[in-house]
Amino acid sequence: MFKKSDYFILLAVMLSFFVSAYLWFIVKDAEQAIFTAIWIPSIFCFGIYFKLCALMGRK
């Protein structure tokens, strides 16, 4: 069901989320926290794109 690459995408998303939360709550730097939070949907989009490319290439 899940491939190794899927776990790397999820790991990158979780890492980005935790870094953003750290910047927001601990460092109190809102600009950097929001900038880092913007990476989350971008990483998901790249993951979906590569997954679709792999699925279409198999057929």
N, C-alpha and C. Protein backbone atom coordinates (compact mmCIF):
# COMPACT_ATOMS: atom_id res chain seq x y z
N MET A 1 0.83 -1.18 0.00
CA MET A 1 0.00 0.00 0.00
C MET A 1 0.88 1.25 0.00
N PHE A 2 1.65 1.46 1.06
CA PHE A 2 2.54 2.61 1.10
C PHE A 2 3.92 2.17 0.66
N LYS A 3 4.55 3.01 -0.15
CA LYS A 3 5.92 2.76 -0.57
C LYS A 3 6.86 3.57 0.31
N LYS A 4 8.12 3.30 0.15
CA LYS A 4 9.13 4.02 0.92
C LYS A 4 9.08 5.52 0.62
N SER A 5 8.84 5.87 -0.63
CA SER A 5 8.78 7.29 -1.00
C SER A 5 7.60 8.00 -0.34
N ASP A 6 6.49 7.28 -0.14
CA ASP A 6 5.34 7.88 0.53
C ASP A 6 5.68 8.25 1.97
N TYR A 7 6.43 7.40 2.62
CA TYR A 7 6.83 7.69 4.00
C TYR A 7 7.78 8.89 4.06
N PHE A 8 8.62 9.05 3.06
CA PHE A 8 9.51 10.22 3.04
C PHE A 8 8.72 11.52 2.85
N ILE A 9 7.68 11.47 2.02
CA ILE A 9 6.83 12.65 1.84
C ILE A 9 6.13 13.00 3.14
N LEU A 10 5.56 12.00 3.80
CA LEU A 10 4.88 12.24 5.08
C LEU A 10 5.86 12.73 6.14
N LEU A 11 7.06 12.19 6.14
CA LEU A 11 8.08 12.64 7.08
C LEU A 11 8.44 14.11 6.84
N ALA A 12 8.58 14.49 5.58
CA ALA A 12 8.89 15.88 5.25
C ALA A 12 7.77 16.81 5.69
N VAL A 13 6.52 16.38 5.52
CA VAL A 13 5.38 17.20 5.94
C VAL A 13 5.36 17.34 7.45
N MET A 14 5.56 16.24 8.17
CA MET A 14 5.56 16.32 9.63
C MET A 14 6.71 17.18 10.14
N LEU A 15 7.86 17.06 9.52
CA LEU A 15 9.00 17.87 9.92
C LEU A 15 8.72 19.36 9.70
N SER A 16 8.13 19.68 8.57
CA SER A 16 7.78 21.07 8.29
C SER A 16 6.76 21.59 9.30
N PHE A 17 5.79 20.76 9.65
CA PHE A 17 4.78 21.16 10.62
C PHE A 17 5.39 21.43 11.99
N PHE A 18 6.26 20.53 12.43
CA PHE A 18 6.87 20.70 13.75
C PHE A 18 7.82 21.90 13.79
N VAL A 19 8.54 22.13 12.72
CA VAL A 19 9.41 23.31 12.67
C VAL A 19 8.57 24.58 12.70
N SER A 20 7.47 24.58 11.98
CA SER A 20 6.59 25.74 11.97
C SER A 20 5.99 25.99 13.36
N ALA A 21 5.55 24.93 14.02
CA ALA A 21 5.00 25.08 15.37
C ALA A 21 6.07 25.57 16.35
N TYR A 22 7.28 25.05 16.20
CA TYR A 22 8.39 25.49 17.05
C TYR A 22 8.66 26.99 16.85
N LEU A 23 8.70 27.40 15.60
CA LEU A 23 8.95 28.82 15.33
C LEU A 23 7.82 29.70 15.85
N TRP A 24 6.60 29.22 15.78
CA TRP A 24 5.44 30.02 16.19
C TRP A 24 5.34 30.12 17.72
N PHE A 25 5.44 28.97 18.40
CA PHE A 25 5.18 28.95 19.84
C PHE A 25 6.43 29.17 20.69
N ILE A 26 7.56 28.69 20.28
CA ILE A 26 8.76 28.77 21.11
C ILE A 26 9.59 30.01 20.77
N VAL A 27 9.89 30.20 19.49
CA VAL A 27 10.73 31.31 19.07
C VAL A 27 9.93 32.61 18.96
N LYS A 28 8.63 32.49 18.77
CA LYS A 28 7.72 33.65 18.61
C LYS A 28 8.05 34.47 17.37
N ASP A 29 8.42 33.79 16.30
CA ASP A 29 8.71 34.45 15.03
C ASP A 29 7.61 34.07 14.04
N ALA A 30 6.60 34.92 13.94
CA ALA A 30 5.42 34.59 13.15
C ALA A 30 5.71 34.51 11.66
N GLU A 31 6.55 35.40 11.15
CA GLU A 31 6.84 35.41 9.71
C GLU A 31 7.50 34.11 9.25
N GLN A 32 8.52 33.68 9.97
CA GLN A 32 9.20 32.44 9.59
C GLN A 32 8.29 31.23 9.80
N ALA A 33 7.45 31.26 10.82
CA ALA A 33 6.53 30.15 11.07
C ALA A 33 5.52 30.01 9.94
N ILE A 34 4.98 31.13 9.49
CA ILE A 34 4.00 31.09 8.39
C ILE A 34 4.69 30.66 7.10
N PHE A 35 5.88 31.16 6.86
CA PHE A 35 6.62 30.77 5.66
C PHE A 35 6.88 29.27 5.65
N THR A 36 7.27 28.72 6.80
CA THR A 36 7.52 27.29 6.88
C THR A 36 6.23 26.50 6.75
N ALA A 37 5.13 27.01 7.27
CA ALA A 37 3.84 26.32 7.16
C ALA A 37 3.35 26.26 5.71
N ILE A 38 3.76 27.21 4.90
CA ILE A 38 3.37 27.20 3.48
C ILE A 38 4.00 26.02 2.75
N TRP A 39 5.10 25.48 3.26
CA TRP A 39 5.74 24.34 2.61
C TRP A 39 4.86 23.10 2.65
N ILE A 40 4.00 22.96 3.66
CA ILE A 40 3.23 21.73 3.86
C ILE A 40 2.37 21.39 2.64
N PRO A 41 1.52 22.29 2.15
CA PRO A 41 0.74 21.92 0.95
C PRO A 41 1.61 21.75 -0.28
N SER A 42 2.72 22.47 -0.36
CA SER A 42 3.62 22.31 -1.50
C SER A 42 4.24 20.92 -1.52
N ILE A 43 4.66 20.44 -0.37
CA ILE A 43 5.24 19.10 -0.29
C ILE A 43 4.20 18.05 -0.65
N PHE A 44 2.96 18.22 -0.15
CA PHE A 44 1.89 17.29 -0.50
C PHE A 44 1.63 17.30 -2.01
N CYS A 45 1.63 18.48 -2.62
CA CYS A 45 1.39 18.56 -4.07
C CYS A 45 2.48 17.86 -4.86
N PHE A 46 3.73 18.05 -4.47
CA PHE A 46 4.82 17.35 -5.15
C PHE A 46 4.68 15.84 -4.97
N GLY A 47 4.30 15.41 -3.78
CA GLY A 47 4.11 13.99 -3.53
C GLY A 47 2.99 13.40 -4.38
N ILE A 48 1.89 14.12 -4.50
CA ILE A 48 0.77 13.66 -5.33
C ILE A 48 1.18 13.63 -6.79
N TYR A 49 1.90 14.65 -7.23
CA TYR A 49 2.34 14.70 -8.62
C TYR A 49 3.23 13.50 -8.96
N PHE A 50 4.22 13.23 -8.11
CA PHE A 50 5.13 12.12 -8.38
C PHE A 50 4.41 10.78 -8.29
N LYS A 51 3.44 10.68 -7.38
CA LYS A 51 2.67 9.44 -7.27
C LYS A 51 1.84 9.21 -8.53
N LEU A 52 1.21 10.25 -9.04
CA LEU A 52 0.43 10.13 -10.26
C LEU A 52 1.32 9.81 -11.47
N CYS A 53 2.48 10.42 -11.53
CA CYS A 53 3.41 10.11 -12.62
C CYS A 53 3.83 8.65 -12.58
N ALA A 54 4.07 8.14 -11.39
CA ALA A 54 4.46 6.74 -11.25
C ALA A 54 3.32 5.81 -11.64
N LEU A 55 2.10 6.16 -11.25
CA LEU A 55 0.95 5.32 -11.57
C LEU A 55 0.64 5.33 -13.07
N MET A 56 0.77 6.48 -13.68
CA MET A 56 0.50 6.57 -15.13
C MET A 56 1.60 5.91 -15.95
N GLY A 57 2.80 5.89 -15.42
CA GLY A 57 3.91 5.26 -16.12
C GLY A 57 3.84 3.75 -16.11
N ARG A 58 3.14 3.20 -15.12
CA ARG A 58 3.02 1.75 -15.00
C ARG A 58 2.05 1.16 -16.02
N LYS A 59 1.08 1.94 -16.43
CA LYS A 59 0.01 1.40 -17.30
C LYS A 59 0.39 1.40 -18.74
